[in-house]
Amino acid sequence: MRPIVLPGDLVATNPKVAGFGTYVENGKVYSKILGLLDKTETSVRIIPLKGRYIPSVGDVVIGIVREVSANGWNVDIYSPYQAFLPLSENPEFKPNKKPNEVLSIGDAIIAKVLNIDPKMKVTLTMKDKVCRSIRFGRIVFINPARVPRVIGKKGSMVKLLKSELGIQIIVGQNGLIWISGDRKKVSIGEEAIYVIEEEAHTDGLTDRITEFIKRRKSDVGIE
């Protein structure tokens, strides 16, 4: 189990491994938030307890491959629970290939939650048209509790971002969002998503985001 850490707890002595939910002071890494410590040789991050992602079958998630095994890939879905993508659930895998030739450590994927066993072991699948390996674009991370607001009623907010900016967006239920397209437009989309996250509790957000996008497009000279 991942240990729970408090704000200010020392979590590492190498500042190069500092990740989400941490800060560096005097060359040491401390927890910035209350959460679960996720520590490897190359990174240390804190998974927030507030608004943490609890998987459900059918969820679209964006994850990072953390380990490659003979029968599949261990995938970090930014949840307290581990996820696994079996070889049989990745259409890109062929018998003449090795698992690490298809996906290697650090690769990002869009997948769906296929199954959750009684011990909360999560099985993923990529057998869906929305699923893919992420080879380009940008990944944004927000509080998973804000995901419904980013999506909007019947997908209205995502449609707004796509139509106003002409970019591709796939929102993971776990708080990771993939954006792809023109670099300037992707940057505006990222900014807009952070505004939505920050102001999710307020009324009239759709109109404000529309105005925000128009203003930012004007600022950078986009028609």
Protein backbone atom coordinates (compact mmCIF):
# COMPACT_ATOMS: atom_id res chain seq x y z
CA MET A 1 0.00 0.00 0.00
CA ARG A 2 1.13 3.57 -0.66
CA PRO A 3 1.76 5.49 2.60
CA ILE A 4 -0.22 8.63 3.40
CA VAL A 5 1.87 11.80 3.71
CA LEU A 6 1.04 15.20 5.19
CA PRO A 7 1.96 18.65 3.84
CA GLY A 8 5.58 19.32 4.78
CA ASP A 9 6.61 15.66 5.07
CA LEU A 10 10.06 14.85 3.64
CA VAL A 11 9.56 12.45 0.71
CA ALA A 12 12.94 12.45 -1.11
CA THR A 13 16.46 13.86 -0.94
CA ASN A 14 17.03 14.17 -4.70
CA PRO A 15 15.36 17.30 -6.13
CA LYS A 16 15.48 15.84 -9.66
CA VAL A 17 12.70 13.34 -8.83
CA ALA A 18 10.20 15.96 -7.60
CA GLY A 19 6.81 15.51 -9.26
CA PHE A 20 3.16 16.46 -8.86
CA GLY A 21 2.15 17.49 -5.34
CA THR A 22 5.71 18.16 -4.13
CA TYR A 23 8.03 21.13 -3.62
CA VAL A 24 11.78 21.47 -3.26
CA GLU A 25 13.44 23.30 -0.38
CA ASN A 26 17.17 23.31 0.40
CA GLY A 27 17.71 20.49 -2.08
CA LYS A 28 15.13 18.20 -0.51
CA VAL A 29 11.65 17.20 -1.71
CA TYR A 30 8.59 17.68 0.50
CA SER A 31 4.91 16.91 0.14
CA LYS A 32 2.79 19.95 -0.72
CA ILE A 33 -0.56 18.23 -0.05
CA LEU A 34 -2.27 15.50 1.93
CA GLY A 35 -2.14 12.39 -0.20
CA LEU A 36 -0.66 9.02 -1.08
CA LEU A 37 3.08 8.79 -1.71
CA ASP A 38 3.95 7.27 -5.09
CA LYS A 39 7.71 6.81 -5.22
CA THR A 40 9.99 5.21 -7.82
CA GLU A 41 13.72 5.54 -8.54
CA THR A 42 13.04 8.32 -11.05
CA SER A 43 10.03 10.19 -9.69
CA VAL A 44 8.14 11.08 -6.54
CA ARG A 45 4.58 12.38 -6.67
CA ILE A 46 1.67 12.74 -4.30
CA ILE A 47 -1.79 11.46 -5.28
CA PRO A 48 -4.32 13.85 -3.70
CA LEU A 49 -6.71 12.28 -1.22
CA LYS A 50 -9.15 15.09 -1.89
CA GLY A 51 -10.83 14.41 -5.21
CA ARG A 52 -8.76 11.30 -5.92
CA TYR A 53 -9.84 9.17 -8.84
CA ILE A 54 -11.73 5.97 -8.00
CA PRO A 55 -12.05 3.82 -11.16
CA SER A 56 -15.36 2.56 -12.56
CA VAL A 57 -15.87 0.04 -15.36
CA GLY A 58 -16.28 1.83 -18.67
CA ASP A 59 -14.29 4.91 -17.70
CA VAL A 60 -11.96 6.42 -20.29
CA VAL A 61 -8.59 7.07 -18.65
CA ILE A 62 -5.21 8.37 -19.69
CA GLY A 63 -2.28 6.54 -18.15
CA ILE A 64 1.50 6.23 -18.21
CA VAL A 65 3.26 2.87 -18.63
CA ARG A 66 5.37 2.25 -15.53
CA GLU A 67 6.42 -1.38 -16.04
CA VAL A 68 6.55 -3.86 -18.92
CA SER A 69 6.05 -7.57 -18.23
CA ALA A 70 5.80 -10.72 -20.34
CA ASN A 71 1.99 -10.60 -20.33
CA GLY A 72 1.27 -6.86 -20.49
CA TRP A 73 1.88 -3.42 -19.04
CA ASN A 74 1.44 -1.89 -15.59
CA VAL A 75 -0.14 1.51 -16.13
CA ASP A 76 -0.27 4.47 -13.75
CA ILE A 77 -3.79 5.95 -13.96
CA TYR A 78 -3.18 8.49 -11.16
CA SER A 79 -5.32 6.57 -8.70
CA PRO A 80 -4.57 4.76 -5.44
CA TYR A 81 -5.21 1.54 -7.40
CA GLN A 82 -2.88 -0.15 -9.86
CA ALA A 83 -3.97 -0.77 -13.46
CA PHE A 84 -2.87 -3.48 -15.88
CA LEU A 85 -3.20 -3.67 -19.66
CA PRO A 86 -2.95 -7.30 -20.85
CA LEU A 87 -1.34 -8.06 -24.22
CA SER A 88 -4.67 -9.43 -25.43
CA GLU A 89 -6.37 -6.06 -24.81
CA ASN A 90 -3.97 -4.04 -26.97
CA PRO A 91 -4.76 -4.31 -30.70
CA GLU A 92 -1.26 -3.02 -31.54
CA PHE A 93 0.33 -6.14 -30.06
CA LYS A 94 1.17 -8.93 -32.53
CA PRO A 95 2.71 -12.36 -31.73
CA ASN A 96 5.93 -11.50 -33.56
CA LYS A 97 6.52 -8.46 -31.33
CA LYS A 98 7.88 -8.05 -27.83
CA PRO A 99 5.73 -6.08 -25.34
CA ASN A 100 8.35 -3.32 -25.02
CA GLU A 101 8.37 -2.87 -28.80
CA VAL A 102 4.70 -1.89 -28.61
CA LEU A 103 4.68 0.14 -25.38
CA SER A 104 7.66 1.01 -23.22
CA ILE A 105 8.12 2.69 -19.85
CA GLY A 106 7.00 6.31 -19.95
CA ASP A 107 4.62 5.89 -22.89
CA ALA A 108 1.18 7.45 -22.52
CA ILE A 109 -2.04 5.72 -23.57
CA ILE A 110 -5.76 6.35 -23.73
CA ALA A 111 -7.61 3.25 -22.48
CA LYS A 112 -10.89 2.13 -20.94
CA VAL A 113 -11.47 0.38 -17.63
CA LEU A 114 -12.51 -3.17 -18.55
CA ASN A 115 -12.76 -4.81 -15.14
CA ILE A 116 -12.15 -4.20 -11.44
CA ASP A 117 -11.68 -7.23 -9.20
CA PRO A 118 -12.69 -7.39 -5.49
CA LYS A 119 -9.16 -6.33 -4.49
CA MET A 120 -9.51 -3.22 -6.70
CA LYS A 121 -7.03 -4.43 -9.29
CA VAL A 122 -7.95 -2.56 -12.45
CA THR A 123 -7.80 -4.20 -15.90
CA LEU A 124 -7.64 -1.91 -18.92
CA THR A 125 -8.49 -2.39 -22.59
CA MET A 126 -7.56 -0.49 -25.74
CA LYS A 127 -10.19 -2.23 -27.87
CA ASP A 128 -12.27 0.89 -28.46
CA LYS A 129 -12.13 3.59 -31.13
CA VAL A 130 -11.32 6.27 -28.54
CA CYS A 131 -8.28 4.33 -27.29
CA ARG A 132 -4.80 4.87 -28.68
CA SER A 133 -1.14 5.30 -27.87
CA ILE A 134 -0.32 8.97 -27.44
CA ARG A 135 2.54 9.83 -29.78
CA PHE A 136 1.99 13.59 -30.00
CA GLY A 137 -0.01 16.40 -28.40
CA ARG A 138 -0.07 17.52 -24.80
CA ILE A 139 -1.39 16.00 -21.56
CA VAL A 140 -2.96 18.27 -18.94
CA PHE A 141 -3.67 17.18 -15.36
CA ILE A 142 -6.59 18.52 -13.29
CA ASN A 143 -8.41 17.47 -10.15
CA PRO A 144 -10.56 14.46 -11.17
CA ALA A 145 -13.49 15.98 -9.28
CA ARG A 146 -13.53 18.79 -11.89
CA VAL A 147 -13.75 16.45 -14.90
CA PRO A 148 -17.58 16.66 -15.24
CA ARG A 149 -17.32 20.46 -15.50
CA VAL A 150 -14.65 20.25 -18.20
CA ILE A 151 -16.87 17.86 -20.15
CA GLY A 152 -20.02 19.92 -19.57
CA LYS A 153 -23.67 18.92 -19.92
CA LYS A 154 -23.91 16.40 -22.79
CA GLY A 155 -20.30 17.25 -23.66
CA SER A 156 -21.07 20.95 -24.21
CA MET A 157 -17.85 22.38 -22.77
CA VAL A 158 -15.58 20.03 -24.71
CA LYS A 159 -17.54 20.80 -27.89
CA LEU A 160 -17.03 24.50 -27.21
CA LEU A 161 -13.25 24.08 -26.84
CA LYS A 162 -13.05 21.95 -29.99
CA SER A 163 -15.15 24.27 -32.15
CA GLU A 164 -13.57 27.54 -30.97
CA LEU A 165 -10.00 26.26 -31.26
CA GLY A 166 -10.15 23.49 -33.85
CA ILE A 167 -8.27 21.07 -31.61
CA GLN A 168 -8.69 17.44 -30.56
CA ILE A 169 -9.50 16.77 -26.91
CA ILE A 170 -10.04 13.52 -25.03
CA VAL A 171 -10.91 13.86 -21.35
CA GLY A 172 -9.90 11.02 -19.03
CA GLN A 173 -12.13 10.45 -16.03
CA ASN A 174 -8.96 10.28 -13.96
CA GLY A 175 -8.17 13.96 -14.52
CA LEU A 176 -5.69 13.63 -17.38
CA ILE A 177 -6.72 15.36 -20.61
CA TRP A 178 -5.11 14.92 -24.04
CA ILE A 179 -5.04 17.95 -26.35
CA SER A 180 -3.68 17.96 -29.91
CA GLY A 181 -3.50 20.47 -32.72
CA ASP A 182 -1.86 23.80 -33.55
CA ARG A 183 0.60 24.62 -30.77
CA LYS A 184 -0.80 28.09 -29.99
CA LYS A 185 -4.37 26.81 -29.96
CA VAL A 186 -3.41 23.87 -27.73
CA SER A 187 -1.84 26.33 -25.27
CA ILE A 188 -5.05 28.38 -25.18
CA GLY A 189 -7.03 25.16 -24.67
CA GLU A 190 -4.79 24.23 -21.74
CA GLU A 191 -5.26 27.67 -20.18
CA ALA A 192 -9.04 27.41 -20.63
CA ILE A 193 -9.11 24.00 -18.95
CA TYR A 194 -7.28 25.40 -15.92
CA VAL A 195 -9.78 28.27 -15.75
CA ILE A 196 -12.65 25.75 -15.83
CA GLU A 197 -10.98 23.76 -13.04
CA GLU A 198 -10.50 26.88 -10.92
CA GLU A 199 -14.01 28.28 -11.49
CA ALA A 200 -15.96 25.02 -11.75
CA HIS A 201 -18.28 26.02 -8.90
CA THR A 202 -19.39 29.30 -10.51
CA ASP A 203 -22.36 30.16 -12.74
CA GLY A 204 -22.08 31.49 -16.30
CA LEU A 205 -18.85 29.61 -16.88
CA THR A 206 -19.58 28.69 -20.50
CA ASP A 207 -19.96 32.35 -21.52
CA ARG A 208 -16.79 33.33 -19.66
CA ILE A 209 -14.79 30.54 -21.31
CA THR A 210 -16.08 31.62 -24.74
CA GLU A 211 -14.95 35.19 -24.06
CA PHE A 212 -11.65 33.97 -22.58
CA ILE A 213 -10.84 31.95 -25.72
CA LYS A 214 -11.75 34.84 -28.06
CA ARG A 215 -9.58 37.23 -26.04
CA ARG A 216 -6.60 34.86 -25.98
CA LYS A 217 -6.92 34.15 -29.72
CA SER A 218 -6.85 37.88 -30.35
CA ASP A 219 -3.80 38.26 -28.07
CA VAL A 220 -1.76 35.75 -30.10
CA GLY A 221 -3.09 36.80 -33.51
CA ILE A 222 -5.33 33.82 -34.29
CA GLU A 223 -8.40 34.46 -36.42
